[in-house]
Amino acid sequence: NVSDFKGVSIGVTTGLCFVGVVGHEDRHEYTVIGHQVNLACRIMSNYPYCVACDESTRKLSTLPDDHFFTLPPKVLKGVPPGGLYFRYSESESSHEETHEKESSSNKKSSEKVIRMVGRAREMDALYNCMAVVESADNHHQKLFGNVIVIEGQAGFGKTKLMDQFVLIGKHRKY
């Protein structure tokens, strides 16, 4: 029924997948299978009523950067944590988005979107630590029993990694 129509959700990802005919010759179908297809479905389901994409699609896109808006982090079923997802809109630009306001020169770096490249393993470790904290059943453990150490050589991006962690924590209201 058209009157029940609420909107359209679109998930876009970039990567390898299988596209072709599957099944017996008497009963076969044309399909698309792969991790990227599943990820697009999860993005579409978790970020409804918009065109949403993963970080690799955003990076490879020729569309203007200021039309992509960082979406709040969510745990997507069957998808390793740590991915950034973006909403695309031609009708607005990122100078209107609260997390990407660059016009204010005194804005803290932890409130800006940090683009993490090649840090999936580190982000997975941070998400796992956050999951442990969230699942802690002891009130004392939640308050005092969790420490995360980020160490590495100078110039390896520890500050950016920590800024990303703080941004995610703010989205989760820690």
N, C-alpha and C. Protein backbone atom coordinates (compact mmCIF):
# COMPACT_ATOMS: atom_id res chain seq x y z
N ASN A 1 0.84 -1.17 0.00
CA ASN A 1 0.00 0.00 0.00
C ASN A 1 0.89 1.24 0.00
N VAL A 2 0.66 2.15 -0.92
CA VAL A 2 1.47 3.35 -1.06
C VAL A 2 1.35 4.25 0.17
N SER A 3 0.22 4.25 0.83
CA SER A 3 0.05 5.11 2.00
C SER A 3 0.92 4.68 3.17
N ASP A 4 1.40 3.43 3.16
CA ASP A 4 2.28 2.93 4.22
C ASP A 4 3.75 3.24 3.95
N PHE A 5 4.04 3.84 2.82
CA PHE A 5 5.42 4.12 2.43
C PHE A 5 6.06 5.11 3.39
N LYS A 6 7.24 4.74 3.94
CA LYS A 6 7.92 5.61 4.91
C LYS A 6 9.18 6.25 4.33
N GLY A 7 9.82 5.62 3.40
CA GLY A 7 11.04 6.17 2.83
C GLY A 7 11.91 5.08 2.23
N VAL A 8 13.05 5.49 1.71
CA VAL A 8 13.97 4.58 1.04
C VAL A 8 15.28 4.55 1.82
N SER A 9 15.85 3.36 1.96
CA SER A 9 17.16 3.18 2.58
C SER A 9 18.08 2.54 1.55
N ILE A 10 19.28 3.09 1.41
CA ILE A 10 20.24 2.56 0.43
C ILE A 10 21.59 2.40 1.11
N GLY A 11 22.18 1.22 1.00
CA GLY A 11 23.52 0.96 1.51
C GLY A 11 24.47 0.72 0.35
N VAL A 12 25.60 1.40 0.34
CA VAL A 12 26.56 1.29 -0.76
C VAL A 12 27.93 0.90 -0.18
N THR A 13 28.54 -0.13 -0.74
CA THR A 13 29.88 -0.54 -0.32
C THR A 13 30.73 -0.79 -1.56
N THR A 14 32.03 -0.86 -1.35
CA THR A 14 32.96 -1.09 -2.44
C THR A 14 33.84 -2.28 -2.09
N GLY A 15 34.00 -3.20 -3.03
CA GLY A 15 34.86 -4.36 -2.78
C GLY A 15 34.52 -5.51 -3.70
N LEU A 16 35.15 -6.64 -3.44
CA LEU A 16 34.97 -7.83 -4.27
C LEU A 16 33.72 -8.60 -3.87
N CYS A 17 33.05 -9.15 -4.87
CA CYS A 17 31.90 -10.02 -4.62
C CYS A 17 31.71 -10.91 -5.85
N PHE A 18 30.84 -11.91 -5.71
CA PHE A 18 30.52 -12.78 -6.84
C PHE A 18 29.21 -12.31 -7.45
N VAL A 19 29.21 -12.15 -8.76
CA VAL A 19 28.01 -11.76 -9.49
C VAL A 19 27.81 -12.78 -10.59
N GLY A 20 26.66 -13.45 -10.60
CA GLY A 20 26.43 -14.42 -11.65
C GLY A 20 25.27 -15.35 -11.36
N VAL A 21 25.19 -16.40 -12.16
CA VAL A 21 24.11 -17.37 -12.08
C VAL A 21 24.51 -18.44 -11.06
N VAL A 22 23.56 -18.77 -10.16
CA VAL A 22 23.79 -19.78 -9.13
C VAL A 22 22.65 -20.79 -9.19
N GLY A 23 22.99 -22.05 -9.02
CA GLY A 23 21.97 -23.09 -8.94
C GLY A 23 21.97 -24.01 -10.13
N HIS A 24 21.13 -25.02 -10.04
CA HIS A 24 20.97 -26.02 -11.09
C HIS A 24 20.37 -25.37 -12.33
N GLU A 25 20.67 -25.94 -13.51
CA GLU A 25 20.20 -25.31 -14.75
C GLU A 25 18.67 -25.29 -14.86
N ASP A 26 17.99 -26.20 -14.16
CA ASP A 26 16.52 -26.19 -14.18
C ASP A 26 15.93 -25.14 -13.24
N ARG A 27 16.72 -24.77 -12.25
CA ARG A 27 16.20 -23.79 -11.28
C ARG A 27 17.38 -22.94 -10.79
N HIS A 28 17.73 -21.96 -11.56
CA HIS A 28 18.85 -21.11 -11.19
C HIS A 28 18.40 -19.64 -11.14
N GLU A 29 19.25 -18.85 -10.54
CA GLU A 29 18.93 -17.42 -10.43
C GLU A 29 20.21 -16.61 -10.54
N TYR A 30 20.04 -15.38 -10.90
CA TYR A 30 21.14 -14.43 -10.97
C TYR A 30 21.25 -13.77 -9.60
N THR A 31 22.46 -13.71 -9.04
CA THR A 31 22.62 -13.19 -7.69
C THR A 31 23.95 -12.47 -7.50
N VAL A 32 24.05 -11.79 -6.39
CA VAL A 32 25.28 -11.14 -5.97
C VAL A 32 25.55 -11.64 -4.55
N ILE A 33 26.76 -12.18 -4.31
CA ILE A 33 27.10 -12.77 -3.02
C ILE A 33 28.46 -12.25 -2.58
N GLY A 34 28.60 -12.01 -1.29
CA GLY A 34 29.91 -11.63 -0.75
C GLY A 34 29.78 -10.75 0.48
N HIS A 35 30.91 -10.55 1.15
CA HIS A 35 30.94 -9.74 2.37
C HIS A 35 30.43 -8.33 2.11
N GLN A 36 30.83 -7.72 1.00
CA GLN A 36 30.44 -6.34 0.71
C GLN A 36 28.93 -6.22 0.51
N VAL A 37 28.31 -7.25 -0.05
CA VAL A 37 26.86 -7.26 -0.23
C VAL A 37 26.18 -7.30 1.14
N ASN A 38 26.69 -8.17 2.02
CA ASN A 38 26.13 -8.26 3.37
C ASN A 38 26.33 -6.95 4.13
N LEU A 39 27.49 -6.32 3.98
CA LEU A 39 27.77 -5.06 4.64
C LEU A 39 26.81 -3.98 4.16
N ALA A 40 26.57 -3.91 2.85
CA ALA A 40 25.64 -2.92 2.30
C ALA A 40 24.24 -3.12 2.89
N CYS A 41 23.85 -4.38 3.05
CA CYS A 41 22.54 -4.69 3.64
C CYS A 41 22.48 -4.24 5.09
N ARG A 42 23.54 -4.50 5.84
CA ARG A 42 23.58 -4.10 7.26
C ARG A 42 23.57 -2.57 7.40
N ILE A 43 24.32 -1.90 6.55
CA ILE A 43 24.35 -0.43 6.59
C ILE A 43 22.95 0.11 6.28
N MET A 44 22.31 -0.43 5.26
CA MET A 44 20.98 0.01 4.86
C MET A 44 19.97 -0.21 5.99
N SER A 45 20.08 -1.34 6.68
CA SER A 45 19.14 -1.67 7.76
C SER A 45 19.36 -0.84 9.01
N ASN A 46 20.61 -0.52 9.32
CA ASN A 46 20.93 0.18 10.56
C ASN A 46 20.89 1.71 10.43
N TYR A 47 20.94 2.20 9.20
CA TYR A 47 20.87 3.65 8.97
C TYR A 47 19.74 3.91 7.96
N PRO A 48 18.48 3.85 8.44
CA PRO A 48 17.34 3.93 7.51
C PRO A 48 17.11 5.33 6.95
N TYR A 49 16.39 5.36 5.84
CA TYR A 49 15.89 6.58 5.19
C TYR A 49 16.99 7.52 4.72
N CYS A 50 18.10 6.93 4.24
CA CYS A 50 19.17 7.76 3.68
C CYS A 50 20.01 6.90 2.75
N VAL A 51 20.92 7.54 2.04
CA VAL A 51 21.93 6.85 1.26
C VAL A 51 23.17 6.81 2.14
N ALA A 52 23.58 5.61 2.55
CA ALA A 52 24.71 5.45 3.46
C ALA A 52 25.76 4.57 2.81
N CYS A 53 27.03 4.81 3.16
CA CYS A 53 28.11 4.05 2.56
C CYS A 53 29.21 3.77 3.58
N ASP A 54 30.11 2.89 3.21
CA ASP A 54 31.26 2.59 4.07
C ASP A 54 32.41 3.55 3.74
N GLU A 55 33.49 3.44 4.51
CA GLU A 55 34.60 4.37 4.37
C GLU A 55 35.31 4.21 3.02
N SER A 56 35.48 2.98 2.53
CA SER A 56 36.18 2.79 1.26
C SER A 56 35.39 3.40 0.10
N THR A 57 34.08 3.30 0.15
CA THR A 57 33.26 3.90 -0.90
C THR A 57 33.39 5.42 -0.87
N ARG A 58 33.38 5.98 0.32
CA ARG A 58 33.53 7.43 0.46
C ARG A 58 34.87 7.90 -0.09
N LYS A 59 35.93 7.16 0.25
CA LYS A 59 37.27 7.55 -0.20
C LYS A 59 37.41 7.45 -1.71
N LEU A 60 36.79 6.45 -2.33
CA LEU A 60 36.92 6.24 -3.77
C LEU A 60 35.92 7.07 -4.58
N SER A 61 34.96 7.67 -3.91
CA SER A 61 33.93 8.44 -4.59
C SER A 61 34.51 9.71 -5.21
N THR A 62 33.94 10.10 -6.33
CA THR A 62 34.32 11.37 -6.95
C THR A 62 33.33 12.47 -6.56
N LEU A 63 32.38 12.15 -5.69
CA LEU A 63 31.43 13.14 -5.21
C LEU A 63 32.11 14.07 -4.21
N PRO A 64 31.61 15.28 -4.02
CA PRO A 64 32.25 16.24 -3.11
C PRO A 64 32.29 15.73 -1.66
N ASP A 65 33.45 15.87 -1.02
CA ASP A 65 33.61 15.43 0.37
C ASP A 65 32.64 16.09 1.32
N ASP A 66 32.29 17.35 1.05
CA ASP A 66 31.44 18.06 2.01
C ASP A 66 29.97 17.64 1.96
N HIS A 67 29.64 16.64 1.14
CA HIS A 67 28.29 16.08 1.12
C HIS A 67 28.19 14.77 1.88
N PHE A 68 29.29 14.31 2.47
CA PHE A 68 29.31 13.09 3.27
C PHE A 68 29.32 13.46 4.75
N PHE A 69 28.48 12.82 5.53
CA PHE A 69 28.36 13.10 6.96
C PHE A 69 28.59 11.82 7.74
N THR A 70 29.46 11.88 8.72
CA THR A 70 29.75 10.71 9.54
C THR A 70 28.51 10.31 10.32
N LEU A 71 28.19 9.02 10.25
CA LEU A 71 27.07 8.49 11.00
C LEU A 71 27.56 7.98 12.36
N PRO A 72 26.69 7.97 13.37
CA PRO A 72 27.13 7.47 14.67
C PRO A 72 27.51 6.00 14.57
N PRO A 73 28.55 5.57 15.29
CA PRO A 73 28.99 4.18 15.20
C PRO A 73 27.92 3.23 15.75
N LYS A 74 27.77 2.11 15.08
CA LYS A 74 26.85 1.06 15.53
C LYS A 74 27.54 -0.28 15.32
N VAL A 75 27.17 -1.25 16.12
CA VAL A 75 27.65 -2.62 15.92
C VAL A 75 26.71 -3.27 14.91
N LEU A 76 27.27 -3.70 13.79
CA LEU A 76 26.48 -4.32 12.74
C LEU A 76 26.66 -5.83 12.81
N LYS A 77 25.56 -6.56 12.82
CA LYS A 77 25.59 -8.02 12.93
C LYS A 77 26.47 -8.63 11.83
N GLY A 78 27.41 -9.48 12.24
CA GLY A 78 28.27 -10.18 11.29
C GLY A 78 29.37 -9.33 10.69
N VAL A 79 29.55 -8.12 11.19
CA VAL A 79 30.56 -7.19 10.66
C VAL A 79 31.52 -6.83 11.78
N PRO A 80 32.83 -6.98 11.56
CA PRO A 80 33.78 -6.59 12.61
C PRO A 80 33.61 -5.12 12.97
N PRO A 81 33.70 -4.79 14.26
CA PRO A 81 33.53 -3.39 14.66
C PRO A 81 34.69 -2.52 14.20
N GLY A 82 34.48 -1.24 14.22
CA GLY A 82 35.55 -0.30 13.90
C GLY A 82 35.37 0.44 12.60
N GLY A 83 34.35 0.09 11.83
CA GLY A 83 34.15 0.77 10.56
C GLY A 83 33.45 2.10 10.72
N LEU A 84 33.79 3.03 9.85
CA LEU A 84 33.10 4.31 9.79
C LEU A 84 32.09 4.26 8.65
N TYR A 85 30.92 4.84 8.90
CA TYR A 85 29.88 4.87 7.89
C TYR A 85 29.43 6.31 7.70
N PHE A 86 28.98 6.61 6.48
CA PHE A 86 28.67 7.98 6.10
C PHE A 86 27.32 8.06 5.43
N ARG A 87 26.64 9.18 5.63
CA ARG A 87 25.40 9.51 4.96
C ARG A 87 25.75 10.50 3.86
N TYR A 88 25.15 10.31 2.69
CA TYR A 88 25.38 11.24 1.58
C TYR A 88 24.14 12.07 1.37
N SER A 89 24.34 13.38 1.17
CA SER A 89 23.22 14.27 0.88
C SER A 89 23.71 15.39 -0.02
N GLU A 90 23.03 15.59 -1.13
CA GLU A 90 23.38 16.70 -2.04
C GLU A 90 22.77 18.01 -1.56
N SER A 91 21.75 17.94 -0.71
CA SER A 91 21.02 19.14 -0.32
C SER A 91 21.64 19.91 0.84
N GLU A 92 22.69 19.38 1.42
CA GLU A 92 23.38 20.07 2.51
C GLU A 92 24.87 19.83 2.36
N SER A 93 25.67 20.61 3.05
CA SER A 93 27.11 20.40 3.02
C SER A 93 27.61 20.26 4.45
N SER A 94 28.78 19.69 4.59
CA SER A 94 29.28 19.32 5.92
C SER A 94 29.54 20.50 6.82
N HIS A 95 29.59 21.73 6.29
CA HIS A 95 29.78 22.86 7.20
C HIS A 95 28.56 23.04 8.10
N GLU A 96 27.44 22.36 7.76
CA GLU A 96 26.25 22.41 8.59
C GLU A 96 26.26 21.31 9.65
N GLU A 97 27.08 20.31 9.50
CA GLU A 97 27.07 19.18 10.44
C GLU A 97 27.78 19.54 11.73
N THR A 98 27.22 19.13 12.84
CA THR A 98 27.76 19.51 14.14
C THR A 98 29.13 18.89 14.40
N HIS A 99 29.38 17.70 13.89
CA HIS A 99 30.66 17.05 14.17
C HIS A 99 31.77 17.46 13.21
N GLU A 100 31.44 18.24 12.18
CA GLU A 100 32.46 18.59 11.20
C GLU A 100 32.59 20.10 11.03
N LYS A 101 32.17 20.87 11.97
CA LYS A 101 32.26 22.32 11.83
C LYS A 101 33.73 22.73 11.89
N GLU A 102 34.22 23.16 10.77
CA GLU A 102 35.61 23.59 10.69
C GLU A 102 35.71 25.10 10.86
N SER A 103 34.58 25.81 10.77
CA SER A 103 34.62 27.27 10.84
C SER A 103 35.05 27.78 12.20
N SER A 104 34.84 26.98 13.22
CA SER A 104 35.23 27.39 14.57
C SER A 104 36.67 26.95 14.82
N SER A 105 37.58 27.92 14.89
CA SER A 105 39.00 27.58 15.02
C SER A 105 39.35 27.05 16.39
N ASN A 106 38.51 27.27 17.40
CA ASN A 106 38.82 26.77 18.73
C ASN A 106 38.17 25.43 19.01
N LYS A 107 37.66 24.76 18.01
CA LYS A 107 37.03 23.46 18.17
C LYS A 107 38.08 22.42 18.51
N LYS A 108 37.81 21.57 19.49
CA LYS A 108 38.76 20.52 19.87
C LYS A 108 38.83 19.48 18.78
N SER A 109 40.00 18.87 18.59
CA SER A 109 40.15 17.86 17.54
C SER A 109 39.30 16.64 17.82
N SER A 110 38.97 16.34 19.07
CA SER A 110 38.15 15.17 19.39
C SER A 110 36.71 15.35 18.94
N GLU A 111 36.28 16.56 18.61
CA GLU A 111 34.92 16.78 18.16
C GLU A 111 34.84 16.77 16.63
N LYS A 112 35.93 16.68 15.94
CA LYS A 112 35.95 16.62 14.50
C LYS A 112 35.96 15.16 14.07
N VAL A 113 35.60 14.93 12.83
CA VAL A 113 35.67 13.59 12.29
C VAL A 113 37.13 13.27 12.00
N ILE A 114 37.59 12.16 12.52
CA ILE A 114 38.97 11.74 12.29
C ILE A 114 38.93 10.60 11.28
N ARG A 115 39.65 10.75 10.20
CA ARG A 115 39.69 9.69 9.20
C ARG A 115 40.82 8.73 9.54
N MET A 116 40.45 7.51 9.90
CA MET A 116 41.42 6.49 10.28
C MET A 116 41.68 5.61 9.06
N VAL A 117 42.91 5.53 8.65
CA VAL A 117 43.29 4.71 7.51
C VAL A 117 44.26 3.65 7.99
N GLY A 118 43.99 2.40 7.70
CA GLY A 118 44.90 1.31 8.06
C GLY A 118 44.96 1.03 9.55
N ARG A 119 43.91 1.32 10.27
CA ARG A 119 43.90 1.11 11.72
C ARG A 119 42.78 0.17 12.14
N ALA A 120 42.34 -0.71 11.26
CA ALA A 120 41.23 -1.62 11.57
C ALA A 120 41.55 -2.49 12.78
N ARG A 121 42.77 -3.03 12.85
CA ARG A 121 43.14 -3.91 13.97
C ARG A 121 43.09 -3.14 15.29
N GLU A 122 43.61 -1.92 15.30
CA GLU A 122 43.62 -1.12 16.51
C GLU A 122 42.20 -0.71 16.92
N MET A 123 41.39 -0.33 15.94
CA MET A 123 40.01 0.04 16.24
C MET A 123 39.23 -1.17 16.75
N ASP A 124 39.47 -2.35 16.18
CA ASP A 124 38.81 -3.57 16.69
C ASP A 124 39.17 -3.80 18.15
N ALA A 125 40.44 -3.60 18.50
CA ALA A 125 40.87 -3.78 19.89
C ALA A 125 40.16 -2.78 20.80
N LEU A 126 40.04 -1.53 20.36
CA LEU A 126 39.34 -0.53 21.17
C LEU A 126 37.86 -0.86 21.31
N TYR A 127 37.22 -1.30 20.23
CA TYR A 127 35.81 -1.69 20.32
C TYR A 127 35.63 -2.87 21.26
N ASN A 128 36.56 -3.83 21.23
CA ASN A 128 36.48 -4.97 22.14
C ASN A 128 36.59 -4.51 23.58
N CYS A 129 37.48 -3.56 23.85
CA CYS A 129 37.62 -3.01 25.21
C CYS A 129 36.33 -2.32 25.63
N MET A 130 35.73 -1.58 24.71
CA MET A 130 34.47 -0.90 25.02
C MET A 130 33.37 -1.92 25.32
N ALA A 131 33.35 -3.02 24.57
CA ALA A 131 32.34 -4.05 24.80
C ALA A 131 32.50 -4.67 26.19
N VAL A 132 33.75 -4.87 26.63
CA VAL A 132 34.01 -5.41 27.96
C VAL A 132 33.48 -4.45 29.02
N VAL A 133 33.74 -3.17 28.84
CA VAL A 133 33.26 -2.17 29.80
C VAL A 133 31.73 -2.15 29.83
N GLU A 134 31.10 -2.20 28.65
CA GLU A 134 29.64 -2.16 28.59
C GLU A 134 29.01 -3.39 29.23
N SER A 135 29.68 -4.54 29.13
CA SER A 135 29.10 -5.77 29.66
C SER A 135 29.48 -6.03 31.11
N ALA A 136 30.30 -5.17 31.71
CA ALA A 136 30.72 -5.37 33.10
C ALA A 136 29.50 -5.36 34.01
N ASP A 137 29.39 -6.41 34.85
CA ASP A 137 28.23 -6.50 35.73
C ASP A 137 28.50 -5.91 37.11
N ASN A 138 29.74 -5.62 37.41
CA ASN A 138 30.12 -5.08 38.69
C ASN A 138 30.24 -3.56 38.58
N HIS A 139 29.47 -2.83 39.38
CA HIS A 139 29.50 -1.36 39.34
C HIS A 139 30.90 -0.82 39.61
N HIS A 140 31.61 -1.43 40.56
CA HIS A 140 32.98 -0.99 40.88
C HIS A 140 33.90 -1.19 39.67
N GLN A 141 33.74 -2.33 38.97
CA GLN A 141 34.56 -2.59 37.80
C GLN A 141 34.29 -1.55 36.71
N LYS A 142 33.02 -1.16 36.55
CA LYS A 142 32.68 -0.14 35.55
C LYS A 142 33.36 1.18 35.86
N LEU A 143 33.47 1.51 37.13
CA LEU A 143 34.04 2.79 37.52
C LEU A 143 35.56 2.79 37.58
N PHE A 144 36.17 1.69 38.06
CA PHE A 144 37.59 1.73 38.36
C PHE A 144 38.43 0.62 37.73
N GLY A 145 37.84 -0.43 37.20
CA GLY A 145 38.61 -1.62 36.85
C GLY A 145 39.05 -1.75 35.42
N ASN A 146 38.97 -0.70 34.63
CA ASN A 146 39.30 -0.83 33.21
C ASN A 146 40.32 0.22 32.80
N VAL A 147 41.41 -0.24 32.24
CA VAL A 147 42.46 0.65 31.76
C VAL A 147 42.82 0.24 30.34
N ILE A 148 42.95 1.21 29.47
CA ILE A 148 43.38 0.95 28.10
C ILE A 148 44.69 1.69 27.90
N VAL A 149 45.70 0.97 27.44
CA VAL A 149 47.01 1.56 27.19
C VAL A 149 47.23 1.60 25.68
N ILE A 150 47.54 2.79 25.18
CA ILE A 150 47.89 2.95 23.77
C ILE A 150 49.34 3.40 23.73
N GLU A 151 50.18 2.54 23.16
CA GLU A 151 51.60 2.88 23.11
C GLU A 151 52.14 2.64 21.71
N GLY A 152 53.17 3.37 21.37
CA GLY A 152 53.79 3.23 20.06
C GLY A 152 54.82 4.33 19.87
N GLN A 153 55.57 4.22 18.80
CA GLN A 153 56.62 5.20 18.53
C GLN A 153 56.01 6.54 18.11
N ALA A 154 56.81 7.58 18.23
CA ALA A 154 56.38 8.92 17.82
C ALA A 154 56.00 8.93 16.35
N GLY A 155 54.90 9.58 16.05
CA GLY A 155 54.46 9.71 14.66
C GLY A 155 53.63 8.55 14.15
N PHE A 156 53.26 7.60 15.01
CA PHE A 156 52.49 6.44 14.57
C PHE A 156 50.99 6.64 14.68
N GLY A 157 50.52 7.82 15.12
CA GLY A 157 49.10 8.12 15.14
C GLY A 157 48.37 7.78 16.42
N LYS A 158 49.07 7.75 17.54
CA LYS A 158 48.42 7.44 18.82
C LYS A 158 47.37 8.49 19.17
N THR A 159 47.68 9.74 18.94
CA THR A 159 46.74 10.82 19.28
C THR A 159 45.49 10.73 18.43
N LYS A 160 45.63 10.47 17.13
CA LYS A 160 44.46 10.35 16.26
C LYS A 160 43.61 9.14 16.66
N LEU A 161 44.27 8.06 17.02
CA LEU A 161 43.56 6.88 17.47
C LEU A 161 42.77 7.18 18.74
N MET A 162 43.39 7.89 19.66
CA MET A 162 42.71 8.26 20.91
C MET A 162 41.58 9.24 20.64
N ASP A 163 41.79 10.20 19.74
CA ASP A 163 40.72 11.13 19.38
C ASP A 163 39.51 10.40 18.81
N GLN A 164 39.77 9.39 17.98
CA GLN A 164 38.68 8.60 17.41
C GLN A 164 37.95 7.84 18.52
N PHE A 165 38.69 7.31 19.46
CA PHE A 165 38.12 6.58 20.59
C PHE A 165 37.23 7.51 21.42
N VAL A 166 37.68 8.73 21.67
CA VAL A 166 36.90 9.72 22.43
C VAL A 166 35.62 10.07 21.66
N LEU A 167 35.73 10.26 20.35
CA LEU A 167 34.56 10.58 19.53
C LEU A 167 33.52 9.47 19.61
N ILE A 168 33.95 8.23 19.51
CA ILE A 168 33.04 7.09 19.61
C ILE A 168 32.42 7.05 21.00
N GLY A 169 33.22 7.29 22.02
CA GLY A 169 32.71 7.32 23.39
C GLY A 169 31.64 8.37 23.57
N LYS A 170 31.82 9.54 22.96
CA LYS A 170 30.81 10.60 23.06
C LYS A 170 29.50 10.17 22.39
N HIS A 171 29.62 9.49 21.22
CA HIS A 171 28.43 8.99 20.54
C HIS A 171 27.70 7.96 21.41
N ARG A 172 28.46 7.18 22.16
CA ARG A 172 27.86 6.16 23.04
C ARG A 172 27.52 6.71 24.41
N LYS A 173 27.75 8.00 24.61
CA LYS A 173 27.42 8.70 25.86
C LYS A 173 28.18 8.14 27.06
N TYR A 174 29.49 7.90 26.89
CA TYR A 174 30.35 7.47 28.01
C TYR A 174 30.72 8.67 28.85
